[in-house]
Structure formats: structure tokens, C-alpha cells
Amino acid sequence: MSDHAAPRDAAAGGHAHGHGAPAGGFESVPWSTAASATLHCLTGCAIGEVLGMVIGTALGLSNLATVVLAVALAFVFGYALTMRGVLRAGVGFRQALRIALAADTVSIAVMEIIDNAVMLGVPGAMEAGLSNWLFWGALAFALFVAFILTTPLNRWMIGRGKGHAVVHAYHH
């Protein structure tokens, strides 16, 4: 079997856990499957986003520098969480990285655009400081909005055997 055969086979017809793309396209992908994939993505994004916002705010970085750091860390942690499971399935590092890139790039990118737009759009949130409820409330709200708006995208991608669907061939 080639490096790419397992994810395509699983995405095309599902697998024992029922997470692959159903044959009927995105309309037949359960919202719970899309929400689960989005929550997985959100976990990595949130770790990186919170860490980036905390570091940037604590160091007094500009809004732009803080957002760039938060986005970079969101991608790092998002990919790392996906790779962790794939590596445990016995896949080599390079292939695990390719799988993580295919599975998470679009979802993380969209989530980060939404999340950071909301953070920047809440007056005073970026300047509020780590001890201010406005900072944490705005960040929690931004992550919630990102989750709600990214779930339909993940449903659509899973229904086409893309995005998070490529990872499920490696779940045990």
C-alpha cells in the first residue's frame, strides 16, 4: 500500500469508527462528526492562541506581533496534536507531517482568521492585559465564534474526503 492509500480509502468509505467521509457527500456527514473534527482543531489552535496571546501581552508586543505569534503557535500546536496520533499509529515523521498539513491547514487557517478578527474587533481586548477579564472573555468568545463558523467548513471538507477525514485512517 502506498503512503497515501490508507487515508484515501478511509475517507472514501469511512472506517470502523464511522468517522470517514460517507459516500453521500457532505450532506450525509453528521454534524457531530464535523463538530468533533473542529473541536480537535480548536484544541491545538486554542493552546497556541492562548500561549501566543499570553506571551505577546506579557512582553508588551504590538498587536500585530502578538497576532503573528499566536497564529504561528496555533499552527504548531494544531499540527503537533494531529501528528501525535498519527505517529502513534506507526507512521514516519515526514508522512505524519504531510498528513497533518493535509488534515488541518484549511481548518486552522480559517479558525485563526476568525479568532483574531474577533479579538481585534473587541475594543480594548488586545490592550487589556492578562489580569483583565476583558482579555480572557474576548479570547474565549473569539474561540467560540471560530468553532461555530469553522464547523460547517469541516463538514464540507470531510464530505469530500479532505481535511480531518484523512486522519481517521490512523485512529485505532
Protein backbone atom coordinates (compact mmCIF):
# COMPACT_ATOMS: atom_id res chain seq x y z
CA MET A 1 0.00 0.00 0.00
CA SER A 2 1.32 3.46 -0.83
CA ASP A 3 1.74 6.18 1.80
CA HIS A 4 -1.46 7.85 0.67
CA ALA A 5 -3.70 4.81 0.11
CA ALA A 6 -4.93 4.42 3.69
CA PRO A 7 -6.29 7.94 4.12
CA ARG A 8 -7.99 7.94 0.74
CA ASP A 9 -9.60 4.55 1.32
CA ALA A 10 -10.81 5.55 4.77
CA ALA A 11 -12.03 8.94 3.61
CA ALA A 12 -13.90 7.48 0.68
CA GLY A 13 -15.97 4.97 2.58
CA GLY A 14 -15.45 5.50 6.26
CA HIS A 15 -13.83 3.05 8.63
CA ALA A 16 -14.72 1.03 11.69
CA HIS A 17 -15.18 4.12 13.86
CA GLY A 18 -17.52 5.78 11.36
CA HIS A 19 -15.50 8.99 11.00
CA GLY A 20 -14.60 8.77 7.32
CA ALA A 21 -16.49 10.61 4.64
CA PRO A 22 -19.83 8.99 3.90
CA ALA A 23 -20.47 8.13 0.27
CA GLY A 24 -23.24 10.74 0.00
CA GLY A 25 -21.01 13.79 0.34
CA PHE A 26 -21.12 16.49 2.98
CA GLU A 27 -24.90 16.35 3.32
CA SER A 28 -24.54 12.90 4.87
CA VAL A 29 -21.69 13.85 7.23
CA PRO A 30 -23.19 14.07 10.72
CA TRP A 31 -22.84 17.45 12.37
CA SER A 32 -21.39 15.61 15.37
CA THR A 33 -18.52 14.34 13.19
CA ALA A 34 -17.82 17.85 11.93
CA ALA A 35 -18.04 19.26 15.45
CA SER A 36 -15.63 16.59 16.72
CA ALA A 37 -13.12 17.40 13.96
CA THR A 38 -13.49 21.12 14.66
CA LEU A 39 -13.07 20.60 18.39
CA HIS A 40 -9.88 18.64 17.72
CA CYS A 41 -8.59 21.51 15.59
CA LEU A 42 -9.76 24.08 18.13
CA THR A 43 -7.82 22.34 20.90
CA GLY A 44 -4.49 22.83 19.15
CA CYS A 45 -5.47 26.31 18.00
CA ALA A 46 -6.56 27.33 21.48
CA ILE A 47 -3.33 26.11 23.11
CA GLY A 48 -1.24 28.03 20.59
CA GLU A 49 -3.52 31.04 20.50
CA VAL A 50 -3.69 31.41 24.28
CA LEU A 51 0.05 30.88 24.64
CA GLY A 52 0.78 33.40 21.87
CA MET A 53 -1.62 35.99 23.32
CA VAL A 54 -0.19 35.50 26.81
CA ILE A 55 3.43 35.76 25.64
CA GLY A 56 2.72 38.73 23.37
CA THR A 57 0.72 40.57 26.01
CA ALA A 58 3.22 39.81 28.80
CA LEU A 59 6.11 41.04 26.66
CA GLY A 60 4.21 44.15 25.58
CA LEU A 61 4.43 43.23 21.90
CA SER A 62 2.40 45.16 19.35
CA ASN A 63 -0.98 43.79 18.33
CA LEU A 64 0.48 42.66 15.00
CA ALA A 65 3.42 40.86 16.61
CA THR A 66 1.12 39.23 19.18
CA VAL A 67 -1.29 38.03 16.49
CA VAL A 68 1.57 36.68 14.34
CA LEU A 69 2.99 34.80 17.33
CA ALA A 70 -0.43 33.45 18.31
CA VAL A 71 -1.18 32.27 14.77
CA ALA A 72 2.23 30.62 14.40
CA LEU A 73 1.81 28.78 17.70
CA ALA A 74 -1.75 27.78 16.81
CA PHE A 75 -0.46 26.06 13.67
CA VAL A 76 2.42 24.42 15.56
CA PHE A 77 0.17 23.02 18.29
CA GLY A 78 -2.62 22.10 15.86
CA TYR A 79 -0.25 20.11 13.67
CA ALA A 80 1.51 18.61 16.71
CA LEU A 81 -1.72 17.22 18.16
CA THR A 82 -2.64 15.62 14.85
CA MET A 83 0.85 14.26 14.33
CA ARG A 84 0.89 12.74 17.82
CA GLY A 85 -1.92 10.34 16.96
CA VAL A 86 -0.58 9.57 13.50
CA LEU A 87 2.92 8.88 14.84
CA ARG A 88 1.42 6.52 17.45
CA ALA A 89 -0.11 4.58 14.57
CA GLY A 90 3.41 3.85 13.36
CA VAL A 91 3.65 6.39 10.54
CA GLY A 92 7.05 8.02 9.97
CA PHE A 93 7.61 11.67 10.87
CA ARG A 94 7.67 13.06 7.31
CA GLN A 95 4.47 11.24 6.33
CA ALA A 96 2.81 12.22 9.62
CA LEU A 97 3.67 15.85 8.88
CA ARG A 98 2.17 15.58 5.38
CA ILE A 99 -0.98 14.06 6.85
CA ALA A 100 -1.24 16.81 9.47
CA LEU A 101 -0.76 19.50 6.83
CA ALA A 102 -3.49 17.96 4.66
CA ALA A 103 -5.83 17.42 7.60
CA ASP A 104 -5.55 20.72 9.42
CA THR A 105 -4.21 23.58 7.30
CA VAL A 106 -7.50 24.93 5.95
CA SER A 107 -9.35 24.48 9.23
CA ILE A 108 -6.62 26.14 11.31
CA ALA A 109 -6.25 28.99 8.82
CA VAL A 110 -9.97 29.76 8.81
CA MET A 111 -10.19 29.39 12.57
CA GLU A 112 -7.26 31.76 13.07
CA ILE A 113 -8.65 34.39 10.70
CA ILE A 114 -11.97 34.38 12.54
CA ASP A 115 -10.46 34.16 16.01
CA ASN A 116 -8.02 37.01 15.51
CA ALA A 117 -10.55 39.19 13.71
CA VAL A 118 -12.87 38.86 16.70
CA MET A 119 -10.03 39.60 19.16
CA LEU A 120 -9.01 42.68 17.19
CA GLY A 121 -12.66 43.71 16.85
CA VAL A 122 -13.39 43.75 20.58
CA PRO A 123 -12.46 47.26 21.71
CA GLY A 124 -9.59 47.19 24.20
CA ALA A 125 -9.25 43.39 24.32
CA MET A 126 -5.71 43.26 22.98
CA GLU A 127 -4.56 46.02 25.30
CA ALA A 128 -6.46 44.78 28.36
CA GLY A 129 -3.65 42.75 29.91
CA LEU A 130 -3.56 39.26 31.33
CA SER A 131 -5.22 40.17 34.63
CA ASN A 132 -8.24 41.78 32.95
CA TRP A 133 -11.46 39.83 32.40
CA LEU A 134 -11.92 41.63 29.06
CA PHE A 135 -8.83 39.94 27.61
CA TRP A 136 -9.91 36.42 28.69
CA GLY A 137 -13.59 36.95 27.91
CA ALA A 138 -12.80 38.25 24.42
CA LEU A 139 -10.40 35.35 23.80
CA ALA A 140 -12.97 32.77 24.92
CA PHE A 141 -15.63 34.45 22.77
CA ALA A 142 -13.26 34.58 19.78
CA LEU A 143 -12.51 30.85 20.06
CA PHE A 144 -16.23 30.07 20.39
CA VAL A 145 -17.08 32.10 17.27
CA ALA A 146 -14.23 30.40 15.38
CA PHE A 147 -15.58 26.98 16.38
CA ILE A 148 -19.15 27.80 15.30
CA LEU A 149 -18.10 29.23 11.93
CA THR A 150 -15.47 26.56 11.12
CA THR A 151 -17.68 23.53 11.84
CA PRO A 152 -19.66 23.81 8.55
CA LEU A 153 -16.38 24.11 6.61
CA ASN A 154 -15.05 20.95 8.25
CA ARG A 155 -18.31 19.14 7.49
CA TRP A 156 -17.99 20.12 3.84
CA MET A 157 -14.32 19.04 3.69
CA ILE A 158 -14.92 15.70 5.44
CA GLY A 159 -17.73 15.01 2.98
CA ARG A 160 -15.19 15.33 0.18
CA GLY A 161 -12.60 13.11 1.89
CA LYS A 162 -10.44 16.11 2.75
CA GLY A 163 -9.40 17.88 5.92
CA HIS A 164 -9.82 15.83 9.07
CA ALA A 165 -11.10 12.84 7.08
CA VAL A 166 -7.53 11.95 6.08
CA VAL A 167 -6.51 11.44 9.72
CA HIS A 168 -9.14 8.90 10.65
CA ALA A 169 -7.45 6.06 8.79
CA TYR A 170 -4.80 6.22 11.51
CA HIS A 171 -7.09 6.11 14.57
CA HIS A 172 -7.11 2.88 16.49
